[in-house]
Amino acid sequence: MKADTNGIPRVVLLGRTNVGKSTFFSRVSGTSALTSSTPHTTRDAKETLVEWHKKTFLLIDTGGFDIERTDPLHLDVQTRIARELKRASHILLMTDNSRFLTDQEKNWVKEWLGRVPITIIVNKADKPHMRRGAAHIYYKGVRVFPVSSINGGGTGDVLDYLVESLIDAPAIHADSAFRLGLIGRTNVGKSSLLNTLAKEERAIVNARDHTTREPMRVVLNRKGKHIEVLDTAGIQKNPKQQIMRESQEVTREAMQECDVIALITEAGKFPIPAQDIELAHNALNNGKSLFIVVNKWDLSEDQTTRGQREETKRLRRAVPQMNFVPIIMASAKTGHGALRILDTAIAVYRERFIELEPARIRKIQKRLAKHVWLVQQLAVDPPRFHAIGTQKFIPRAVNDIFQKAIRSEHPFQGTPLITSIAKRNARHATHHRPGESG
């Protein structure tokens, strides 16, 4: 059985344009995907970890194999499909209910039959009667499943059949896998950074804006962690095309799936673009851990340690309330800082699960004795702290003091704190705010 370097089987989703591959991918994996009537919305091969009946596999969604030769990205899409098929443990060939198999689809079955296990999925069987009696459908010995990607009908049967064939599929513990989102403005180098991290051309890179239309997903392994890296579409203020507006909405949804966000900006970009600051605030306010990657460091006039310190100072001055957020320099072109991106992501992800010892909680309580008489840590992921105040009225500034006292005991690098302060004997908190001060 072919698998990735960590022994995880690779299941490749193959099909024509607009048969519903991205909808199926999103349904099965529980992730966001851009589904549009615009042809060839999916260009890259994206992947995600899927767990079913305690077995884990990589599901890979590919671009439509019928992409026109006149499309400037035709060769890139075809190259990625061919590469994924060569590494496939299992192929899911998707067609739709309007016809069974086209001549092109029959050729795919003929080419791969006997080389890699194949399952045919007939999508858009949205009504139950379309899926009745499906248990005995075969085509040239290949199992056929009618499904509805839009409502999920029949997808469980596909997964049951699939994991039975993936006898060597491992179980992956939840605490060893997390999602890292690469966000930023258009053309700051997110896709190039993803390729550098993956050590191969996984994302299509083009000088045109919005080459990336939907989150590109790649699962990487670093220090025993499975990191699903999402390369998201570039954010701009007022996108004109409908598909770009849809793309940015999917980017915002994808950010909600992530545990850690890497804000990608450019070296020497001053003043700091307001969009970058807004993206950073949004990440923290939504409870996501955050670090900043200054890309294109190879173009910086001063690449010395002193230059890095000056760049960091300028960023700190632009967002002083985020001094707990790590800042690293990187270059997708040279590979500088690539491993630091993954290591930093792992480090800030771990911070989400830190639980302070009682002795440290007492120190926080002692430091805030003027304002509170009891401090508790209520939760992790992200860390949540609660205090009971000594006064009937609690100034909002006390919440900031509370967070600074917590970070003095443990920095919680890159991770927002949720803090609340209640009046003594009150049942509900008077302040409840994701923290950005530190």
Protein backbone atom coordinates (compact mmCIF):
# COMPACT_ATOMS: atom_id res chain seq x y z
CA MET A 1 0.00 0.00 0.00
CA LYS A 2 1.35 3.42 -0.94
CA ALA A 3 1.37 5.93 1.88
CA ASP A 4 3.07 9.12 2.94
CA THR A 5 6.34 9.13 4.87
CA ASN A 6 4.41 8.62 8.12
CA GLY A 7 2.57 5.54 6.92
CA ILE A 8 -0.73 7.34 6.30
CA PRO A 9 -2.63 6.07 3.22
CA ARG A 10 -3.29 8.63 0.45
CA VAL A 11 -6.81 8.59 -1.02
CA VAL A 12 -7.02 10.67 -4.21
CA LEU A 13 -10.31 12.22 -5.34
CA LEU A 14 -10.37 12.38 -9.16
CA GLY A 15 -13.02 13.72 -11.52
CA ARG A 16 -14.23 16.14 -14.13
CA THR A 17 -14.98 19.79 -13.49
CA ASN A 18 -18.06 20.53 -11.38
CA VAL A 19 -18.98 16.95 -10.49
CA GLY A 20 -18.84 17.94 -6.80
CA LYS A 21 -15.36 16.87 -5.67
CA SER A 22 -14.81 19.91 -3.45
CA THR A 23 -18.26 19.53 -1.88
CA PHE A 24 -17.52 15.86 -1.13
CA PHE A 25 -14.08 16.82 0.24
CA SER A 26 -15.65 19.42 2.51
CA ARG A 27 -18.46 17.10 3.62
CA VAL A 28 -16.17 14.18 4.52
CA SER A 29 -13.42 16.24 6.16
CA GLY A 30 -15.59 18.86 7.84
CA THR A 31 -13.55 21.65 6.25
CA SER A 32 -14.34 24.75 4.20
CA ALA A 33 -14.14 24.57 0.43
CA LEU A 34 -14.96 27.01 -2.35
CA THR A 35 -17.76 25.51 -4.44
CA SER A 36 -18.67 27.59 -7.46
CA SER A 37 -20.29 27.23 -10.86
CA THR A 38 -17.17 28.92 -12.23
CA PRO A 39 -15.20 26.13 -13.97
CA HIS A 40 -11.87 24.99 -12.50
CA THR A 41 -12.29 26.68 -9.14
CA THR A 42 -9.97 24.02 -7.69
CA ARG A 43 -6.53 24.21 -9.30
CA ASP A 44 -4.19 22.81 -6.65
CA ALA A 45 -4.25 19.35 -5.10
CA LYS A 46 -5.31 19.94 -1.49
CA GLU A 47 -5.26 17.39 1.31
CA THR A 48 -6.60 16.88 4.80
CA LEU A 49 -6.56 14.19 7.48
CA VAL A 50 -9.78 12.21 7.77
CA GLU A 51 -10.54 9.86 10.66
CA TRP A 52 -13.22 7.20 10.31
CA HIS A 53 -13.74 4.24 12.66
CA LYS A 54 -10.40 4.98 14.35
CA LYS A 55 -8.51 4.81 11.06
CA THR A 56 -6.83 7.86 9.56
CA PHE A 57 -6.06 8.62 5.92
CA LEU A 58 -5.16 11.60 3.79
CA LEU A 59 -7.91 12.71 1.43
CA ILE A 60 -6.54 14.59 -1.59
CA ASP A 61 -8.83 16.74 -3.76
CA THR A 62 -7.51 17.42 -7.26
CA GLY A 63 -8.43 19.88 -10.00
CA GLY A 64 -10.78 18.85 -12.80
CA PHE A 65 -8.86 16.61 -15.20
CA ASP A 66 -10.81 18.06 -18.16
CA ILE A 67 -9.29 21.54 -17.75
CA GLU A 68 -9.00 23.21 -21.15
CA ARG A 69 -5.60 23.28 -22.81
CA THR A 70 -6.09 27.00 -23.40
CA ASP A 71 -6.14 27.64 -19.65
CA PRO A 72 -2.72 29.08 -18.64
CA LEU A 73 -2.69 26.79 -15.61
CA HIS A 74 -3.53 23.63 -17.61
CA LEU A 75 -0.05 22.11 -17.34
CA ASP A 76 0.24 22.89 -13.60
CA VAL A 77 -3.11 21.22 -12.84
CA GLN A 78 -2.34 18.14 -14.94
CA THR A 79 1.11 17.78 -13.39
CA ARG A 80 -0.35 17.80 -9.89
CA ILE A 81 -3.02 15.23 -10.78
CA ALA A 82 -0.39 12.89 -12.26
CA ARG A 83 1.86 13.28 -9.21
CA GLU A 84 -0.94 12.48 -6.77
CA LEU A 85 -2.10 9.44 -8.74
CA LYS A 86 1.41 7.98 -8.67
CA ARG A 87 1.40 8.26 -4.86
CA ALA A 88 -2.19 7.10 -4.36
CA SER A 89 -3.15 4.26 -2.02
CA HIS A 90 -6.72 4.38 -3.33
CA ILE A 91 -8.51 6.35 -6.07
CA LEU A 92 -12.03 7.72 -5.69
CA LEU A 93 -13.26 8.46 -9.22
CA MET A 94 -16.24 10.80 -9.04
CA THR A 95 -18.79 11.27 -11.78
CA ASP A 96 -22.31 12.69 -11.51
CA ASN A 97 -25.83 11.40 -11.86
CA SER A 98 -26.47 13.05 -15.23
CA ARG A 99 -24.52 10.24 -16.94
CA PHE A 100 -22.54 7.24 -15.82
CA LEU A 101 -18.98 7.26 -17.20
CA THR A 102 -17.72 9.41 -20.04
CA ASP A 103 -15.13 8.03 -22.45
CA GLN A 104 -12.43 9.98 -20.58
CA GLU A 105 -13.52 8.51 -17.25
CA LYS A 106 -13.55 4.98 -18.74
CA ASN A 107 -9.98 5.57 -19.91
CA TRP A 108 -8.95 6.53 -16.36
CA VAL A 109 -10.46 3.29 -15.00
CA LYS A 110 -8.76 1.26 -17.73
CA GLU A 111 -5.38 2.92 -17.06
CA TRP A 112 -5.37 2.47 -13.28
CA LEU A 113 -7.39 -0.73 -12.82
CA GLY A 114 -5.15 -3.37 -11.29
CA ARG A 115 -2.47 -0.82 -10.35
CA VAL A 116 -4.29 1.04 -7.55
CA PRO A 117 -7.61 0.16 -5.83
CA ILE A 118 -10.42 2.23 -7.38
CA THR A 119 -13.89 3.13 -6.17
CA ILE A 120 -16.41 4.98 -8.34
CA ILE A 121 -18.63 7.60 -6.74
CA VAL A 122 -21.75 8.70 -8.63
CA ASN A 123 -22.52 12.09 -7.11
CA LYS A 124 -25.71 14.17 -7.12
CA ALA A 125 -27.87 11.20 -6.16
CA ASP A 126 -29.62 13.60 -3.81
CA LYS A 127 -32.83 11.63 -3.20
CA PRO A 128 -32.96 8.35 -1.23
CA HIS A 129 -34.56 6.36 -4.09
CA MET A 130 -31.51 7.17 -6.24
CA ARG A 131 -29.30 5.30 -3.77
CA ARG A 132 -31.52 2.24 -3.07
CA GLY A 133 -30.05 -1.08 -4.06
CA ALA A 134 -26.58 0.42 -4.30
CA ALA A 135 -24.97 -2.45 -2.39
CA HIS A 136 -24.56 -4.57 -5.52
CA ILE A 137 -23.51 -1.99 -8.13
CA TYR A 138 -20.23 -2.70 -9.92
CA TYR A 139 -18.54 -1.52 -13.11
CA LYS A 140 -15.92 -3.91 -14.53
CA GLY A 141 -15.38 -5.23 -11.02
CA VAL A 142 -15.08 -1.73 -9.50
CA ARG A 143 -17.40 -0.91 -6.60
CA VAL A 144 -19.83 1.94 -7.37
CA PHE A 145 -21.49 4.13 -4.73
CA PRO A 146 -24.27 6.65 -5.43
CA VAL A 147 -23.85 9.61 -3.06
CA SER A 148 -25.05 13.11 -2.41
CA SER A 149 -22.16 15.40 -1.49
CA ILE A 150 -24.59 18.24 -0.83
CA ASN A 151 -26.58 16.43 1.91
CA GLY A 152 -24.17 13.65 2.83
CA GLY A 153 -26.34 10.76 1.65
CA GLY A 154 -24.28 7.63 0.98
CA THR A 155 -20.95 9.16 2.07
CA GLY A 156 -20.82 6.99 5.18
CA ASP A 157 -21.09 3.86 3.02
CA VAL A 158 -18.13 5.06 0.95
CA LEU A 159 -16.04 5.67 4.06
CA ASP A 160 -16.96 2.29 5.57
CA TYR A 161 -15.89 0.53 2.38
CA LEU A 162 -12.77 2.65 2.08
CA VAL A 163 -11.37 2.08 5.59
CA GLU A 164 -11.99 -1.67 5.24
CA SER A 165 -9.59 -1.63 2.29
CA LEU A 166 -7.05 0.54 4.14
CA ILE A 167 -6.01 -2.22 6.51
CA ASP A 168 -2.77 -0.51 7.52
CA ALA A 169 -4.30 2.91 8.20
CA PRO A 170 -3.06 4.17 11.59
CA ALA A 171 -4.92 5.93 14.35
CA ILE A 172 -3.68 9.46 15.08
CA HIS A 173 -4.19 11.03 18.49
CA ALA A 174 -6.01 14.35 18.40
CA ASP A 175 -3.31 16.12 20.41
CA SER A 176 -0.71 15.26 17.75
CA ALA A 177 -2.52 17.08 14.92
CA PHE A 178 -3.52 20.69 14.46
CA ARG A 179 -4.24 23.25 11.71
CA LEU A 180 -2.02 26.17 10.79
CA GLY A 181 -3.46 28.89 8.56
CA LEU A 182 -1.29 31.14 6.37
CA ILE A 183 -3.15 34.42 5.93
CA GLY A 184 -2.25 37.79 4.47
CA ARG A 185 -2.74 40.18 1.60
CA THR A 186 -2.46 39.09 -2.04
CA ASN A 187 1.02 38.35 -3.39
CA VAL A 188 2.89 38.42 -0.07
CA GLY A 189 4.21 34.93 -0.85
CA LYS A 190 1.88 32.58 1.05
CA SER A 191 1.79 29.93 -1.68
CA SER A 192 5.55 30.12 -2.18
CA LEU A 193 6.06 29.65 1.56
CA LEU A 194 3.76 26.62 1.51
CA ASN A 195 5.82 25.08 -1.30
CA THR A 196 8.99 25.76 0.68
CA LEU A 197 7.53 24.10 3.78
CA ALA A 198 6.36 21.09 1.76
CA LYS A 199 9.72 20.91 -0.09
CA GLU A 200 7.90 20.55 -3.41
CA GLU A 201 5.57 22.53 -5.68
CA ARG A 202 2.27 21.82 -3.95
CA ALA A 203 0.56 25.18 -4.56
CA ILE A 204 0.37 26.83 -7.97
CA VAL A 205 2.32 30.09 -7.88
CA ASN A 206 1.59 32.82 -10.41
CA ALA A 207 2.22 36.56 -10.54
CA ARG A 208 -1.48 37.17 -11.19
CA ASP A 209 -3.58 38.15 -8.18
CA HIS A 210 -5.85 35.47 -6.75
CA THR A 211 -4.16 32.45 -8.31
CA THR A 212 -5.13 30.84 -4.99
CA ARG A 213 -8.92 30.85 -4.90
CA GLU A 214 -9.63 28.47 -2.03
CA PRO A 215 -7.63 27.13 0.93
CA MET A 216 -4.83 24.87 -0.28
CA ARG A 217 -4.26 22.14 2.32
CA VAL A 218 -1.08 20.18 2.90
CA VAL A 219 -0.37 17.86 5.83
CA LEU A 220 3.22 18.03 7.08
CA ASN A 221 5.00 16.18 9.86
CA ARG A 222 7.38 17.92 12.23
CA LYS A 223 8.59 16.63 15.60
CA GLY A 224 5.84 14.04 15.80
CA LYS A 225 3.09 16.55 15.03
CA HIS A 226 0.84 16.33 11.98
CA ILE A 227 0.34 19.93 10.88
CA GLU A 228 -2.35 20.63 8.31
CA VAL A 229 -1.17 23.86 6.68
CA LEU A 230 -3.79 25.98 4.92
CA ASP A 231 -2.66 28.43 2.25
CA THR A 232 -5.58 30.84 2.02
CA ALA A 233 -6.62 33.24 -0.73
CA GLY A 234 -5.14 36.72 -0.40
CA ILE A 235 -7.28 39.29 1.37
CA GLN A 236 -8.08 42.61 -0.31
CA LYS A 237 -10.56 45.29 0.71
CA ASN A 238 -13.03 45.39 -2.18
CA PRO A 239 -12.70 42.41 -4.53
CA LYS A 240 -14.64 43.04 -7.73
CA GLN A 241 -15.18 39.55 -9.11
CA GLN A 242 -17.90 37.38 -7.56
CA ILE A 243 -15.62 34.35 -7.29
CA MET A 244 -13.05 36.46 -5.44
CA ARG A 245 -15.68 37.64 -2.96
CA GLU A 246 -16.72 34.00 -2.47
CA SER A 247 -13.05 33.04 -2.14
CA GLN A 248 -12.44 35.54 0.65
CA GLU A 249 -15.53 34.34 2.50
CA VAL A 250 -14.17 30.77 2.37
CA THR A 251 -10.83 32.12 3.67
CA ARG A 252 -12.61 33.61 6.69
CA GLU A 253 -14.41 30.30 7.29
CA ALA A 254 -11.12 28.40 6.98
CA MET A 255 -9.55 30.66 9.61
CA GLN A 256 -12.19 29.47 12.05
CA GLU A 257 -11.01 25.87 11.51
CA CYS A 258 -7.42 26.75 12.39
CA ASP A 259 -5.80 26.47 15.80
CA VAL A 260 -2.82 28.68 14.89
CA ILE A 261 -2.60 31.56 12.42
CA ALA A 262 0.60 32.74 10.72
CA LEU A 263 0.14 36.28 9.43
CA ILE A 264 2.39 36.65 6.37
CA THR A 265 3.63 40.16 5.67
CA GLU A 266 6.52 41.60 3.66
CA ALA A 267 9.93 42.84 4.74
CA GLY A 268 10.39 46.60 4.64
CA LYS A 269 6.68 47.34 4.30
CA PHE A 270 6.20 50.53 6.35
CA PRO A 271 3.93 51.82 7.54
CA ILE A 272 2.44 48.43 8.37
CA PRO A 273 -0.64 47.95 6.13
CA ALA A 274 -3.87 48.44 8.06
CA GLN A 275 -5.16 45.16 6.62
CA ASP A 276 -2.33 43.25 8.33
CA ILE A 277 -3.15 44.80 11.70
CA GLU A 278 -6.85 44.06 11.22
CA LEU A 279 -6.13 40.41 10.32
CA ALA A 280 -3.98 40.02 13.44
CA HIS A 281 -6.69 41.48 15.67
CA ASN A 282 -9.34 39.26 14.10
CA ALA A 283 -7.26 36.13 14.68
CA LEU A 284 -6.73 36.88 18.38
CA ASN A 285 -10.30 38.05 18.94
CA ASN A 286 -11.50 34.72 17.55
CA GLY A 287 -9.36 32.80 20.02
CA LYS A 288 -6.65 31.75 17.55
CA SER A 289 -2.99 31.59 18.44
CA LEU A 290 -0.91 33.90 16.26
CA PHE A 291 2.60 34.61 15.05
CA ILE A 292 3.89 36.94 12.35
CA VAL A 293 6.12 35.87 9.47
CA VAL A 294 8.04 38.63 7.69
CA ASN A 295 8.48 37.06 4.24
CA LYS A 296 10.85 38.11 1.42
CA TRP A 297 13.61 38.70 3.97
CA ASP A 298 16.10 38.04 1.19
CA LEU A 299 15.10 41.43 -0.28
CA SER A 300 15.79 43.31 2.96
CA GLU A 301 18.57 45.89 2.83
CA ASP A 302 19.89 44.79 6.21
CA GLN A 303 19.67 41.02 6.76
CA THR A 304 21.92 41.01 9.82
CA THR A 305 20.81 40.30 13.37
CA ARG A 306 20.65 44.05 13.89
CA GLY A 307 18.34 44.36 10.87
CA GLN A 308 16.05 41.69 12.29
CA ARG A 309 15.89 43.51 15.62
CA GLU A 310 14.98 46.79 13.89
CA GLU A 311 12.27 45.09 11.80
CA THR A 312 10.83 43.51 14.94
CA LYS A 313 10.84 46.86 16.79
CA ARG A 314 8.94 48.54 13.96
CA LEU A 315 6.29 45.82 14.03
CA ARG A 316 6.05 46.00 17.82
CA ARG A 317 5.49 49.75 17.66
CA ALA A 318 2.70 49.24 15.11
CA VAL A 319 0.87 46.71 17.30
CA PRO A 320 2.09 47.36 20.88
CA GLN A 321 -0.79 45.40 22.41
CA MET A 322 0.52 42.23 20.75
CA ASN A 323 4.00 42.06 22.27
CA PHE A 324 3.37 38.41 23.22
CA VAL A 325 3.09 37.47 19.51
CA PRO A 326 6.30 35.91 18.07
CA ILE A 327 7.81 37.55 14.96
CA ILE A 328 10.12 35.62 12.65
CA MET A 329 11.91 36.49 9.40
CA ALA A 330 11.64 34.11 6.45
CA SER A 331 12.25 33.81 2.74
CA ALA A 332 10.28 31.45 0.55
CA LYS A 333 12.92 31.95 -2.13
CA THR A 334 15.96 30.92 -0.09
CA GLY A 335 14.24 28.73 2.51
CA HIS A 336 15.48 30.94 5.34
CA GLY A 337 13.29 30.51 8.44
CA ALA A 338 11.14 27.72 6.94
CA LEU A 339 11.64 25.26 9.79
CA ARG A 340 11.21 28.09 12.31
CA ILE A 341 7.70 28.60 10.94
CA LEU A 342 6.73 25.02 11.78
CA ASP A 343 8.59 25.04 15.10
CA THR A 344 6.95 28.32 16.11
CA ALA A 345 3.53 26.96 15.14
CA ILE A 346 4.11 23.91 17.35
CA ALA A 347 5.34 26.07 20.23
CA VAL A 348 2.36 28.45 20.23
CA TYR A 349 -0.06 25.53 19.78
CA ARG A 350 1.33 23.95 22.94
CA GLU A 351 0.79 27.23 24.79
CA ARG A 352 -2.95 26.78 24.29
CA PHE A 353 -2.90 23.82 26.69
CA ILE A 354 -0.76 25.24 29.50
CA GLU A 355 -2.40 24.89 32.89
CA LEU A 356 -0.78 26.97 35.61
CA GLU A 357 0.17 25.31 38.87
CA PRO A 358 -1.70 26.39 42.04
CA ALA A 359 1.45 28.18 43.31
CA ARG A 360 1.51 30.39 40.22
CA ILE A 361 -2.21 31.10 40.52
CA ARG A 362 -1.60 32.24 44.10
CA LYS A 363 1.17 34.59 42.90
CA ILE A 364 -1.22 36.18 40.41
CA GLN A 365 -3.79 36.52 43.15
CA LYS A 366 -1.26 38.15 45.48
CA ARG A 367 -0.16 40.58 42.75
CA LEU A 368 -3.79 41.63 42.22
CA ALA A 369 -4.78 41.69 45.92
CA LYS A 370 -5.98 45.29 45.62
CA HIS A 371 -8.52 44.35 42.97
CA VAL A 372 -9.42 40.64 43.41
CA TRP A 373 -9.53 38.06 46.17
CA LEU A 374 -9.83 34.86 44.10
CA VAL A 375 -8.28 33.73 40.80
CA GLN A 376 -9.03 30.49 38.95
CA GLN A 377 -8.03 28.93 35.64
CA LEU A 378 -11.22 27.54 34.19
CA ALA A 379 -10.11 26.04 30.87
CA VAL A 380 -7.45 25.61 28.20
CA ASP A 381 -7.48 25.82 24.38
CA PRO A 382 -7.40 28.80 24.70
CA PRO A 383 -6.53 29.46 28.37
CA ARG A 384 -9.40 30.97 30.32
CA PHE A 385 -9.07 32.67 33.72
CA HIS A 386 -11.68 34.02 36.08
CA ALA A 387 -11.37 36.30 39.11
CA ILE A 388 -13.72 37.63 41.74
CA GLY A 389 -13.24 41.29 42.47
CA THR A 390 -13.10 43.11 45.79
CA GLN A 391 -15.20 46.08 44.66
CA LYS A 392 -18.76 46.61 43.50
CA PHE A 393 -17.54 48.43 40.41
CA ILE A 394 -14.66 46.95 38.43
CA PRO A 395 -12.89 49.35 36.04
CA ARG A 396 -12.23 47.91 32.60
CA ALA A 397 -8.51 48.58 33.06
CA VAL A 398 -8.42 45.91 35.77
CA ASN A 399 -8.95 43.29 33.08
CA ASP A 400 -5.77 44.46 31.33
CA ILE A 401 -3.89 44.36 34.65
CA PHE A 402 -5.25 40.85 35.20
CA GLN A 403 -3.89 39.65 31.85
CA LYS A 404 -0.48 41.24 32.44
CA ALA A 405 -0.27 39.50 35.81
CA ILE A 406 -1.06 36.15 34.18
CA ARG A 407 1.57 36.64 31.46
CA SER A 408 4.13 37.61 34.09
CA GLU A 409 3.78 34.07 35.46
CA HIS A 410 3.73 32.42 32.04
CA PRO A 411 4.09 34.30 28.71
CA PHE A 412 1.55 32.25 26.72
CA GLN A 413 3.48 33.12 23.58
CA GLY A 414 1.22 33.87 20.63
CA THR A 415 -1.88 32.78 22.50
CA PRO A 416 -4.84 34.96 23.52
CA LEU A 417 -6.18 34.80 27.04
CA ILE A 418 -9.87 34.88 27.85
CA THR A 419 -10.34 36.61 31.17
CA SER A 420 -13.36 37.57 33.23
CA ILE A 421 -13.83 39.39 36.52
CA ALA A 422 -16.99 39.18 38.60
CA LYS A 423 -18.14 41.19 41.58
CA ARG A 424 -17.87 39.22 44.80
CA ASN A 425 -20.80 36.81 45.16
CA ALA A 426 -22.06 37.78 41.68
CA ARG A 427 -23.13 34.85 39.52
CA HIS A 428 -22.03 36.31 36.19
CA ALA A 429 -18.88 38.13 35.05
CA THR A 430 -19.00 41.86 34.53
CA HIS A 431 -16.21 41.70 31.93
CA HIS A 432 -15.63 38.93 29.41
CA ARG A 433 -13.23 39.69 26.62
CA PRO A 434 -10.65 37.79 24.57
CA GLY A 435 -7.38 39.40 25.62
CA GLU A 436 -4.87 41.06 23.36
CA SER A 437 -2.94 42.98 25.95
CA GLY A 438 0.07 41.46 27.46
